[in-house]
Amino acid sequence: MPQHVAVKGVGVDSKTRCRHYHSEKDIIAIKFKCCNTYYPCHLCHEETTDHEPIRWSKDEWNVKAVLCGKCRNELTVLQYMNCQSVCPYCQSSFNPGCQTHYHLYFEG
């Protein structure tokens, strides 16, 4: 059973949805490298911290930095980028639109 992982942000629910992104499929959180803390989105990080985000570099894509809000398993960046918007552990669907934000979290 996965350990409880805290997710900070604005209006975060039990499945990691926040005030900014709260559809049925918005169930991932990203660990920000700069503060080693999970947030549902870049806007939550921006609103609740006093520092600039640091993206995960390509040679760090084996780090567990994505949390499934349904089963609470952590995925590596590479697992997340290759999962085709489906959790490899519980088969829950992730929002495919999140791919358009990869550049905010991960260096290309």
PDB file of N, CA and C in Angstrom:
ATOM      1  N   MET A   1       0.842  -1.192   0.000  1.00  0.00           N
ATOM      2  CA  MET A   1       0.000   0.000   0.000  1.00  0.00           C
ATOM      3  C   MET A   1       0.884   1.252   0.000  1.00  0.00           C
ATOM      4  N   PRO A   2       0.655   2.178  -0.923  1.00  0.00           N
ATOM      5  CA  PRO A   2       1.475   3.389  -0.984  1.00  0.00           C
ATOM      6  C   PRO A   2       1.350   4.218   0.301  1.00  0.00           C
ATOM      7  N   GLN A   3       2.438   4.866   0.660  1.00  0.00           N
ATOM      8  CA  GLN A   3       2.451   5.763   1.814  1.00  0.00           C
ATOM      9  C   GLN A   3       1.639   7.012   1.475  1.00  0.00           C
ATOM     10  N   HIS A   4       1.132   7.667   2.512  1.00  0.00           N
ATOM     11  CA  HIS A   4       0.428   8.929   2.278  1.00  0.00           C
ATOM     12  C   HIS A   4       1.445   9.992   1.882  1.00  0.00           C
ATOM     13  N   VAL A   5       1.193  10.657   0.794  1.00  0.00           N
ATOM     14  CA  VAL A   5       2.058  11.720   0.311  1.00  0.00           C
ATOM     15  C   VAL A   5       1.264  13.018   0.356  1.00  0.00           C
ATOM     16  N   ALA A   6       1.807  14.021   1.016  1.00  0.00           N
ATOM     17  CA  ALA A   6       1.126  15.310   1.119  1.00  0.00           C
ATOM     18  C   ALA A   6       1.170  16.053  -0.207  1.00  0.00           C
ATOM     19  N   VAL A   7       0.051  16.697  -0.542  1.00  0.00           N
ATOM     20  CA  VAL A   7      -0.035  17.519  -1.746  1.00  0.00           C
ATOM     21  C   VAL A   7      -0.501  18.905  -1.305  1.00  0.00           C
ATOM     22  N   LYS A   8       0.308  19.901  -1.586  1.00  0.00           N
ATOM     23  CA  LYS A   8      -0.027  21.278  -1.217  1.00  0.00           C
ATOM     24  C   LYS A   8      -0.651  21.978  -2.411  1.00  0.00           C
ATOM     25  N   GLY A   9      -1.390  23.031  -2.130  1.00  0.00           N
ATOM     26  CA  GLY A   9      -2.003  23.784  -3.213  1.00  0.00           C
ATOM     27  C   GLY A   9      -3.223  24.540  -2.736  1.00  0.00           C
ATOM     28  N   VAL A  10      -4.062  24.922  -3.689  1.00  0.00           N
ATOM     29  CA  VAL A  10      -5.249  25.729  -3.413  1.00  0.00           C
ATOM     30  C   VAL A  10      -6.499  24.875  -3.620  1.00  0.00           C
ATOM     31  N   GLY A  11      -7.217  24.592  -2.537  1.00  0.00           N
ATOM     32  CA  GLY A  11      -8.443  23.809  -2.637  1.00  0.00           C
ATOM     33  C   GLY A  11      -8.219  22.380  -3.069  1.00  0.00           C
ATOM     34  N   VAL A  12      -7.157  21.743  -2.597  1.00  0.00           N
ATOM     35  CA  VAL A  12      -6.804  20.387  -3.018  1.00  0.00           C
ATOM     36  C   VAL A  12      -7.755  19.370  -2.382  1.00  0.00           C
ATOM     37  N   ASP A  13      -8.303  18.475  -3.217  1.00  0.00           N
ATOM     38  CA  ASP A  13      -9.186  17.431  -2.698  1.00  0.00           C
ATOM     39  C   ASP A  13      -8.412  16.124  -2.512  1.00  0.00           C
ATOM     40  N   SER A  14      -9.101  15.070  -2.124  1.00  0.00           N
ATOM     41  CA  SER A  14      -8.457  13.796  -1.799  1.00  0.00           C
ATOM     42  C   SER A  14      -7.831  13.110  -3.014  1.00  0.00           C
ATOM     43  N   LYS A  15      -8.175  13.548  -4.230  1.00  0.00           N
ATOM     44  CA  LYS A  15      -7.610  12.944  -5.442  1.00  0.00           C
ATOM     45  C   LYS A  15      -6.665  13.904  -6.165  1.00  0.00           C
ATOM     46  N   THR A  16      -6.192  14.898  -5.465  1.00  0.00           N
ATOM     47  CA  THR A  16      -5.208  15.884  -5.928  1.00  0.00           C
ATOM     48  C   THR A  16      -5.758  16.918  -6.914  1.00  0.00           C
ATOM     49  N   ARG A  17      -7.065  17.018  -7.027  1.00  0.00           N
ATOM     50  CA  ARG A  17      -7.627  18.091  -7.856  1.00  0.00           C
ATOM     51  C   ARG A  17      -7.499  19.398  -7.074  1.00  0.00           C
ATOM     52  N   CYS A  18      -7.455  20.521  -7.815  1.00  0.00           N
ATOM     53  CA  CYS A  18      -7.307  21.815  -7.152  1.00  0.00           C
ATOM     54  C   CYS A  18      -8.313  22.813  -7.714  1.00  0.00           C
ATOM     55  N   ARG A  19      -8.224  24.031  -7.239  1.00  0.00           N
ATOM     56  CA  ARG A  19      -9.127  25.078  -7.710  1.00  0.00           C
ATOM     57  C   ARG A  19      -8.949  25.330  -9.201  1.00  0.00           C
ATOM     58  N   HIS A  20      -7.740  25.150  -9.700  1.00  0.00           N
ATOM     59  CA  HIS A  20      -7.448  25.472 -11.098  1.00  0.00           C
ATOM     60  C   HIS A  20      -7.827  24.352 -12.066  1.00  0.00           C
ATOM     61  N   TYR A  21      -7.575  23.120 -11.654  1.00  0.00           N
ATOM     62  CA  TYR A  21      -7.834  21.949 -12.511  1.00  0.00           C
ATOM     63  C   TYR A  21      -8.590  20.919 -11.677  1.00  0.00           C
ATOM     64  N   HIS A  22      -9.851  20.722 -12.022  1.00  0.00           N
ATOM     65  CA  HIS A  22     -10.683  19.875 -11.159  1.00  0.00           C
ATOM     66  C   HIS A  22     -11.672  18.998 -11.926  1.00  0.00           C
ATOM     67  N   SER A  23     -11.297  18.607 -13.140  1.00  0.00           N
ATOM     68  CA  SER A  23     -12.152  17.668 -13.870  1.00  0.00           C
ATOM     69  C   SER A  23     -11.960  16.266 -13.286  1.00  0.00           C
ATOM     70  N   GLU A  24     -12.775  15.340 -13.705  1.00  0.00           N
ATOM     71  CA  GLU A  24     -12.692  13.957 -13.227  1.00  0.00           C
ATOM     72  C   GLU A  24     -11.310  13.356 -13.475  1.00  0.00           C
ATOM     73  N   LYS A  25     -10.645  13.794 -14.554  1.00  0.00           N
ATOM     74  CA  LYS A  25      -9.350  13.215 -14.927  1.00  0.00           C
ATOM     75  C   LYS A  25      -8.150  14.000 -14.399  1.00  0.00           C
ATOM     76  N   ASP A  26      -8.377  15.083 -13.688  1.00  0.00           N
ATOM     77  CA  ASP A  26      -7.267  15.874 -13.144  1.00  0.00           C
ATOM     78  C   ASP A  26      -6.821  15.284 -11.806  1.00  0.00           C
ATOM     79  N   ILE A  27      -6.217  14.101 -11.898  1.00  0.00           N
ATOM     80  CA  ILE A  27      -5.880  13.361 -10.674  1.00  0.00           C
ATOM     81  C   ILE A  27      -4.396  13.057 -10.556  1.00  0.00           C
ATOM     82  N   ILE A  28      -3.560  13.975 -11.003  1.00  0.00           N
ATOM     83  CA  ILE A  28      -2.125  13.804 -10.762  1.00  0.00           C
ATOM     84  C   ILE A  28      -1.600  15.029 -10.035  1.00  0.00           C
ATOM     85  N   ALA A  29      -0.506  14.834  -9.335  1.00  0.00           N
ATOM     86  CA  ALA A  29       0.233  15.939  -8.745  1.00  0.00           C
ATOM     87  C   ALA A  29       1.682  15.779  -9.175  1.00  0.00           C
ATOM     88  N   ILE A  30       2.363  16.892  -9.300  1.00  0.00           N
ATOM     89  CA  ILE A  30       3.762  16.903  -9.730  1.00  0.00           C
ATOM     90  C   ILE A  30       4.629  17.333  -8.553  1.00  0.00           C
ATOM     91  N   LYS A  31       5.705  16.592  -8.327  1.00  0.00           N
ATOM     92  CA  LYS A  31       6.676  17.003  -7.307  1.00  0.00           C
ATOM     93  C   LYS A  31       7.587  18.049  -7.938  1.00  0.00           C
ATOM     94  N   PHE A  32       7.608  19.227  -7.342  1.00  0.00           N
ATOM     95  CA  PHE A  32       8.466  20.289  -7.844  1.00  0.00           C
ATOM     96  C   PHE A  32       9.870  20.098  -7.299  1.00  0.00           C
ATOM     97  N   LYS A  33      10.834  20.069  -8.204  1.00  0.00           N
ATOM     98  CA  LYS A  33      12.228  19.829  -7.839  1.00  0.00           C
ATOM     99  C   LYS A  33      12.743  20.897  -6.872  1.00  0.00           C
ATOM    100  N   CYS A  34      12.336  22.125  -7.064  1.00  0.00           N
ATOM    101  CA  CYS A  34      12.842  23.248  -6.274  1.00  0.00           C
ATOM    102  C   CYS A  34      12.537  23.123  -4.781  1.00  0.00           C
ATOM    103  N   CYS A  35      11.437  22.504  -4.441  1.00  0.00           N
ATOM    104  CA  CYS A  35      11.043  22.421  -3.033  1.00  0.00           C
ATOM    105  C   CYS A  35      10.702  21.001  -2.594  1.00  0.00           C
ATOM    106  N   ASN A  36      10.881  20.035  -3.502  1.00  0.00           N
ATOM    107  CA  ASN A  36      10.633  18.627  -3.185  1.00  0.00           C
ATOM    108  C   ASN A  36       9.231  18.413  -2.619  1.00  0.00           C
ATOM    109  N   THR A  37       8.264  19.126  -3.185  1.00  0.00           N
ATOM    110  CA  THR A  37       6.889  19.114  -2.686  1.00  0.00           C
ATOM    111  C   THR A  37       5.929  18.894  -3.849  1.00  0.00           C
ATOM    112  N   TYR A  38       4.900  18.089  -3.602  1.00  0.00           N
ATOM    113  CA  TYR A  38       3.877  17.847  -4.616  1.00  0.00           C
ATOM    114  C   TYR A  38       2.853  18.976  -4.637  1.00  0.00           C
ATOM    115  N   TYR A  39       2.498  19.393  -5.851  1.00  0.00           N
ATOM    116  CA  TYR A  39       1.433  20.363  -6.103  1.00  0.00           C
ATOM    117  C   TYR A  39       0.584  19.831  -7.252  1.00  0.00           C
ATOM    118  N   PRO A  40      -0.724  20.115  -7.260  1.00  0.00           N
ATOM    119  CA  PRO A  40      -1.566  19.668  -8.368  1.00  0.00           C
ATOM    120  C   PRO A  40      -1.220  20.332  -9.696  1.00  0.00           C
ATOM    121  N   CYS A  41      -0.685  21.569  -9.625  1.00  0.00           N
ATOM    122  CA  CYS A  41      -0.408  22.281 -10.871  1.00  0.00           C
ATOM    123  C   CYS A  41       0.576  23.421 -10.642  1.00  0.00           C
ATOM    124  N   HIS A  42       1.040  23.982 -11.733  1.00  0.00           N
ATOM    125  CA  HIS A  42       1.990  25.100 -11.690  1.00  0.00           C
ATOM    126  C   HIS A  42       1.377  26.336 -11.063  1.00  0.00           C
ATOM    127  N   LEU A  43       0.074  26.535 -11.222  1.00  0.00           N
ATOM    128  CA  LEU A  43      -0.584  27.708 -10.641  1.00  0.00           C
ATOM    129  C   LEU A  43      -0.639  27.606  -9.118  1.00  0.00           C
ATOM    130  N   CYS A  44      -0.881  26.403  -8.594  1.00  0.00           N
ATOM    131  CA  CYS A  44      -0.866  26.204  -7.138  1.00  0.00           C
ATOM    132  C   CYS A  44       0.519  26.511  -6.578  1.00  0.00           C
ATOM    133  N   HIS A  45       1.571  26.041  -7.259  1.00  0.00           N
ATOM    134  CA  HIS A  45       2.940  26.314  -6.818  1.00  0.00           C
ATOM    135  C   HIS A  45       3.193  27.814  -6.820  1.00  0.00           C
ATOM    136  N   GLU A  46       2.781  28.466  -7.884  1.00  0.00           N
ATOM    137  CA  GLU A  46       3.003  29.908  -8.024  1.00  0.00           C
ATOM    138  C   GLU A  46       2.291  30.695  -6.922  1.00  0.00           C
ATOM    139  N   GLU A  47       1.061  30.292  -6.599  1.00  0.00           N
ATOM    140  CA  GLU A  47       0.266  31.028  -5.619  1.00  0.00           C
ATOM    141  C   GLU A  47       0.672  30.777  -4.173  1.00  0.00           C
ATOM    142  N   THR A  48       1.327  29.661  -3.900  1.00  0.00           N
ATOM    143  CA  THR A  48       1.571  29.304  -2.500  1.00  0.00           C
ATOM    144  C   THR A  48       3.055  29.264  -2.110  1.00  0.00           C
ATOM    145  N   THR A  49       3.957  29.596  -3.028  1.00  0.00           N
ATOM    146  CA  THR A  49       5.380  29.619  -2.685  1.00  0.00           C
ATOM    147  C   THR A  49       5.955  31.001  -2.999  1.00  0.00           C
ATOM    148  N   ASP A  50       7.180  31.205  -2.559  1.00  0.00           N
ATOM    149  CA  ASP A  50       7.839  32.482  -2.809  1.00  0.00           C
ATOM    150  C   ASP A  50       9.110  32.303  -3.640  1.00  0.00           C
ATOM    151  N   HIS A  51       9.121  31.249  -4.465  1.00  0.00           N
ATOM    152  CA  HIS A  51      10.299  31.000  -5.290  1.00  0.00           C
ATOM    153  C   HIS A  51       9.881  30.540  -6.686  1.00  0.00           C
ATOM    154  N   GLU A  52      10.818  30.623  -7.589  1.00  0.00           N
ATOM    155  CA  GLU A  52      10.598  30.189  -8.969  1.00  0.00           C
ATOM    156  C   GLU A  52      10.694  28.663  -9.055  1.00  0.00           C
ATOM    157  N   PRO A  53       9.891  28.041  -9.902  1.00  0.00           N
ATOM    158  CA  PRO A  53       9.982  26.584 -10.067  1.00  0.00           C
ATOM    159  C   PRO A  53      11.260  26.188 -10.800  1.00  0.00           C
ATOM    160  N   ILE A  54      11.732  25.004 -10.497  1.00  0.00           N
ATOM    161  CA  ILE A  54      12.865  24.414 -11.218  1.00  0.00           C
ATOM    162  C   ILE A  54      12.349  23.135 -11.876  1.00  0.00           C
ATOM    163  N   ARG A  55      12.598  23.001 -13.181  1.00  0.00           N
ATOM    164  CA  ARG A  55      12.116  21.831 -13.916  1.00  0.00           C
ATOM    165  C   ARG A  55      13.063  20.646 -13.741  1.00  0.00           C
ATOM    166  N   TRP A  56      12.494  19.448 -13.871  1.00  0.00           N
ATOM    167  CA  TRP A  56      13.299  18.220 -13.846  1.00  0.00           C
ATOM    168  C   TRP A  56      14.055  18.122 -15.158  1.00  0.00           C
ATOM    169  N   SER A  57      15.372  17.918 -15.097  1.00  0.00           N
ATOM    170  CA  SER A  57      16.171  17.781 -16.310  1.00  0.00           C
ATOM    171  C   SER A  57      15.976  16.378 -16.890  1.00  0.00           C
ATOM    172  N   LYS A  58      16.325  16.243 -18.140  1.00  0.00           N
ATOM    173  CA  LYS A  58      16.112  14.973 -18.836  1.00  0.00           C
ATOM    174  C   LYS A  58      16.852  13.820 -18.160  1.00  0.00           C
ATOM    175  N   ASP A  59      18.022  14.083 -17.580  1.00  0.00           N
ATOM    176  CA  ASP A  59      18.752  13.008 -16.907  1.00  0.00           C
ATOM    177  C   ASP A  59      18.172  12.670 -15.530  1.00  0.00           C
ATOM    178  N   GLU A  60      17.105  13.346 -15.130  1.00  0.00           N
ATOM    179  CA  GLU A  60      16.416  13.057 -13.865  1.00  0.00           C
ATOM    180  C   GLU A  60      15.034  12.428 -14.094  1.00  0.00           C
ATOM    181  N   TRP A  61      14.732  12.049 -15.301  1.00  0.00           N
ATOM    182  CA  TRP A  61      13.411  11.517 -15.602  1.00  0.00           C
ATOM    183  C   TRP A  61      13.155  10.139 -14.983  1.00  0.00           C
ATOM    184  N   ASN A  62      14.156   9.564 -14.298  1.00  0.00           N
ATOM    185  CA  ASN A  62      13.943   8.305 -13.580  1.00  0.00           C
ATOM    186  C   ASN A  62      13.527   8.559 -12.132  1.00  0.00           C
ATOM    187  N   VAL A  63      13.396   9.828 -11.742  1.00  0.00           N
ATOM    188  CA  VAL A  63      12.975  10.207 -10.391  1.00  0.00           C
ATOM    189  C   VAL A  63      11.456  10.105 -10.280  1.00  0.00           C
ATOM    190  N   LYS A  64      10.994   9.578  -9.153  1.00  0.00           N
ATOM    191  CA  LYS A  64       9.546   9.541  -8.906  1.00  0.00           C
ATOM    192  C   LYS A  64       9.086  10.953  -8.576  1.00  0.00           C
ATOM    193  N   ALA A  65       8.325  11.543  -9.508  1.00  0.00           N
ATOM    194  CA  ALA A  65       7.927  12.938  -9.364  1.00  0.00           C
ATOM    195  C   ALA A  65       6.490  13.198  -9.790  1.00  0.00           C
ATOM    196  N   VAL A  66       5.711  12.132  -9.999  1.00  0.00           N
ATOM    197  CA  VAL A  66       4.304  12.275 -10.370  1.00  0.00           C
ATOM    198  C   VAL A  66       3.494  11.341  -9.483  1.00  0.00           C
ATOM    199  N   LEU A  67       2.437  11.877  -8.897  1.00  0.00           N
ATOM    200  CA  LEU A  67       1.599  11.118  -7.972  1.00  0.00           C
ATOM    201  C   LEU A  67       0.223  10.895  -8.583  1.00  0.00           C
ATOM    202  N   CYS A  68      -0.229   9.639  -8.614  1.00  0.00           N
ATOM    203  CA  CYS A  68      -1.606   9.352  -9.036  1.00  0.00           C
ATOM    204  C   CYS A  68      -2.524   9.660  -7.857  1.00  0.00           C
ATOM    205  N   GLY A  69      -3.479  10.519  -8.080  1.00  0.00           N
ATOM    206  CA  GLY A  69      -4.411  10.902  -7.022  1.00  0.00           C
ATOM    207  C   GLY A  69      -5.412   9.827  -6.677  1.00  0.00           C
ATOM    208  N   LYS A  70      -5.557   8.830  -7.514  1.00  0.00           N
ATOM    209  CA  LYS A  70      -6.505   7.741  -7.242  1.00  0.00           C
ATOM    210  C   LYS A  70      -5.862   6.670  -6.358  1.00  0.00           C
ATOM    211  N   CYS A  71      -4.755   6.075  -6.819  1.00  0.00           N
ATOM    212  CA  CYS A  71      -4.141   4.968  -6.064  1.00  0.00           C
ATOM    213  C   CYS A  71      -2.974   5.414  -5.186  1.00  0.00           C
ATOM    214  N   ARG A  72      -2.528   6.675  -5.357  1.00  0.00           N
ATOM    215  CA  ARG A  72      -1.444   7.278  -4.566  1.00  0.00           C
ATOM    216  C   ARG A  72      -0.074   6.672  -4.840  1.00  0.00           C
ATOM    217  N   ASN A  73       0.084   5.960  -5.941  1.00  0.00           N
ATOM    218  CA  ASN A  73       1.401   5.472  -6.338  1.00  0.00           C
ATOM    219  C   ASN A  73       2.165   6.602  -7.011  1.00  0.00           C
ATOM    220  N   GLU A  74       3.479   6.581  -6.816  1.00  0.00           N
ATOM    221  CA  GLU A  74       4.345   7.558  -7.454  1.00  0.00           C
ATOM    222  C   GLU A  74       4.921   6.966  -8.739  1.00  0.00           C
ATOM    223  N   LEU A  75       4.943   7.770  -9.775  1.00  0.00           N
ATOM    224  CA  LEU A  75       5.492   7.382 -11.064  1.00  0.00           C
ATOM    225  C   LEU A  75       6.748   8.190 -11.315  1.00  0.00           C
ATOM    226  N   THR A  76       7.682   7.611 -12.041  1.00  0.00           N
ATOM    227  CA  THR A  76       8.811   8.405 -12.496  1.00  0.00           C
ATOM    228  C   THR A  76       8.303   9.338 -13.598  1.00  0.00           C
ATOM    229  N   VAL A  77       9.089  10.357 -13.880  1.00  0.00           N
ATOM    230  CA  VAL A  77       8.721  11.272 -14.957  1.00  0.00           C
ATOM    231  C   VAL A  77       8.558  10.494 -16.255  1.00  0.00           C
ATOM    232  N   LEU A  78       9.487   9.593 -16.525  1.00  0.00           N
ATOM    233  CA  LEU A  78       9.438   8.813 -17.758  1.00  0.00           C
ATOM    234  C   LEU A  78       8.208   7.895 -17.802  1.00  0.00           C
ATOM    235  N   GLN A  79       7.887   7.246 -16.702  1.00  0.00           N
ATOM    236  CA  GLN A  79       6.671   6.415 -16.660  1.00  0.00           C
ATOM    237  C   GLN A  79       5.452   7.264 -17.006  1.00  0.00           C
ATOM    238  N   TYR A  80       5.378   8.440 -16.402  1.00  0.00           N
ATOM    239  CA  TYR A  80       4.244   9.321 -16.637  1.00  0.00           C
ATOM    240  C   TYR A  80       4.178   9.760 -18.093  1.00  0.00           C
ATOM    241  N   MET A  81       5.310  10.147 -18.653  1.00  0.00           N
ATOM    242  CA  MET A  81       5.311  10.620 -20.036  1.00  0.00           C
ATOM    243  C   MET A  81       4.974   9.501 -21.026  1.00  0.00           C
ATOM    244  N   ASN A  82       5.225   8.255 -20.644  1.00  0.00           N
ATOM    245  CA  ASN A  82       4.976   7.120 -21.538  1.00  0.00           C
ATOM    246  C   ASN A  82       3.703   6.343 -21.233  1.00  0.00           C
ATOM    247  N   CYS A  83       2.898   6.785 -20.286  1.00  0.00           N
ATOM    248  CA  CYS A  83       1.741   5.985 -19.854  1.00  0.00           C
ATOM    249  C   CYS A  83       0.484   6.220 -20.689  1.00  0.00           C
ATOM    250  N   GLN A  84       0.544   7.110 -21.654  1.00  0.00           N
ATOM    251  CA  GLN A  84      -0.603   7.407 -22.522  1.00  0.00           C
ATOM    252  C   GLN A  84      -1.832   7.817 -21.714  1.00  0.00           C
ATOM    253  N   SER A  85      -1.588   8.625 -20.657  1.00  0.00           N
ATOM    254  CA  SER A  85      -2.635   9.208 -19.808  1.00  0.00           C
ATOM    255  C   SER A  85      -3.452   8.172 -19.054  1.00  0.00           C
ATOM    256  N   VAL A  86      -2.828   7.031 -18.734  1.00  0.00           N
ATOM    257  CA  VAL A  86      -3.478   5.986 -17.929  1.00  0.00           C
ATOM    258  C   VAL A  86      -2.487   5.538 -16.861  1.00  0.00           C
ATOM    259  N   CYS A  87      -2.915   5.537 -15.601  1.00  0.00           N
ATOM    260  CA  CYS A  87      -2.031   5.120 -14.519  1.00  0.00           C
ATOM    261  C   CYS A  87      -1.611   3.664 -14.723  1.00  0.00           C
ATOM    262  N   PRO A  88      -0.309   3.380 -14.705  1.00  0.00           N
ATOM    263  CA  PRO A  88       0.149   2.000 -14.890  1.00  0.00           C
ATOM    264  C   PRO A  88      -0.175   1.092 -13.698  1.00  0.00           C
ATOM    265  N   TYR A  89      -0.560   1.675 -12.575  1.00  0.00           N
ATOM    266  CA  TYR A  89      -0.876   0.895 -11.378  1.00  0.00           C
ATOM    267  C   TYR A  89      -2.364   0.588 -11.233  1.00  0.00           C
ATOM    268  N   CYS A  90      -3.220   1.594 -11.448  1.00  0.00           N
ATOM    269  CA  CYS A  90      -4.668   1.389 -11.205  1.00  0.00           C
ATOM    270  C   CYS A  90      -5.530   1.590 -12.451  1.00  0.00           C
ATOM    271  N   GLN A  91      -4.913   1.936 -13.569  1.00  0.00           N
ATOM    272  CA  GLN A  91      -5.584   2.150 -14.851  1.00  0.00           C
ATOM    273  C   GLN A  91      -6.576   3.321 -14.847  1.00  0.00           C
ATOM    274  N   SER A  92      -6.457   4.221 -13.899  1.00  0.00           N
ATOM    275  CA  SER A  92      -7.287   5.431 -13.924  1.00  0.00           C
ATOM    276  C   SER A  92      -6.819   6.331 -15.062  1.00  0.00           C
ATOM    277  N   SER A  93      -7.752   7.038 -15.645  1.00  0.00           N
ATOM    278  CA  SER A  93      -7.422   7.951 -16.739  1.00  0.00           C
ATOM    279  C   SER A  93      -6.941   9.288 -16.199  1.00  0.00           C
ATOM    280  N   PHE A  94      -5.834   9.771 -16.778  1.00  0.00           N
ATOM    281  CA  PHE A  94      -5.329  11.105 -16.478  1.00  0.00           C
ATOM    282  C   PHE A  94      -5.776  12.041 -17.591  1.00  0.00           C
ATOM    283  N   ASN A  95      -5.805  13.318 -17.310  1.00  0.00           N
ATOM    284  CA  ASN A  95      -6.184  14.313 -18.306  1.00  0.00           C
ATOM    285  C   ASN A  95      -5.094  14.381 -19.383  1.00  0.00           C
ATOM    286  N   PRO A  96      -5.406  13.990 -20.629  1.00  0.00           N
ATOM    287  CA  PRO A  96      -4.393  14.046 -21.689  1.00  0.00           C
ATOM    288  C   PRO A  96      -3.947  15.476 -21.990  1.00  0.00           C
ATOM    289  N   GLY A  97      -4.751  16.462 -21.629  1.00  0.00           N
ATOM    290  CA  GLY A  97      -4.381  17.857 -21.851  1.00  0.00           C
ATOM    291  C   GLY A  97      -3.184  18.296 -21.027  1.00  0.00           C
ATOM    292  N   CYS A  98      -2.858  17.546 -19.979  1.00  0.00           N
ATOM    293  CA  CYS A  98      -1.696  17.880 -19.144  1.00  0.00           C
ATOM    294  C   CYS A  98      -0.408  17.840 -19.958  1.00  0.00           C
ATOM    295  N   GLN A  99      -0.393  17.087 -21.032  1.00  0.00           N
ATOM    296  CA  GLN A  99       0.805  16.998 -21.871  1.00  0.00           C
ATOM    297  C   GLN A  99       1.228  18.366 -22.394  1.00  0.00           C
ATOM    298  N   THR A 100       0.283  19.258 -22.571  1.00  0.00           N
ATOM    299  CA  THR A 100       0.627  20.591 -23.072  1.00  0.00           C
ATOM    300  C   THR A 100       1.382  21.413 -22.032  1.00  0.00           C
ATOM    301  N   HIS A 101       1.443  20.919 -20.790  1.00  0.00           N
ATOM    302  CA  HIS A 101       2.160  21.622 -19.716  1.00  0.00           C
ATOM    303  C   HIS A 101       3.487  20.959 -19.350  1.00  0.00           C
ATOM    304  N   TYR A 102       3.870  19.906 -20.035  1.00  0.00           N
ATOM    305  CA  TYR A 102       5.120  19.226 -19.706  1.00  0.00           C
ATOM    306  C   TYR A 102       6.297  20.191 -19.599  1.00  0.00           C
ATOM    307  N   HIS A 103       6.342  21.163 -20.511  1.00  0.00           N
ATOM    308  CA  HIS A 103       7.461  22.117 -20.549  1.00  0.00           C
ATOM    309  C   HIS A 103       7.575  22.947 -19.268  1.00  0.00           C
ATOM    310  N   LEU A 104       6.507  23.024 -18.500  1.00  0.00           N
ATOM    311  CA  LEU A 104       6.543  23.768 -17.243  1.00  0.00           C
ATOM    312  C   LEU A 104       7.202  22.983 -16.113  1.00  0.00           C
ATOM    313  N   TYR A 105       7.217  21.649 -16.244  1.00  0.00           N
ATOM    314  CA  TYR A 105       7.710  20.781 -15.187  1.00  0.00           C
ATOM    315  C   TYR A 105       8.987  20.035 -15.572  1.00  0.00           C
ATOM    316  N   PHE A 106       9.108  19.713 -16.852  1.00  0.00           N
ATOM    317  CA  PHE A 106      10.191  18.832 -17.322  1.00  0.00           C
ATOM    318  C   PHE A 106      10.953  19.491 -18.475  1.00  0.00           C
ATOM    319  N   GLU A 107      12.277  19.483 -18.389  1.00  0.00           N
ATOM    320  CA  GLU A 107      13.085  20.002 -19.490  1.00  0.00           C
ATOM    321  C   GLU A 107      13.038  19.022 -20.667  1.00  0.00           C
ATOM    322  N   GLY A 108      13.032  19.544 -21.880  1.00  0.00           N
ATOM    323  CA  GLY A 108      12.918  18.703 -23.060  1.00  0.00           C
ATOM    324  C   GLY A 108      14.174  18.309 -23.671  1.00  0.00           C
TER     325      GLY A 108
END
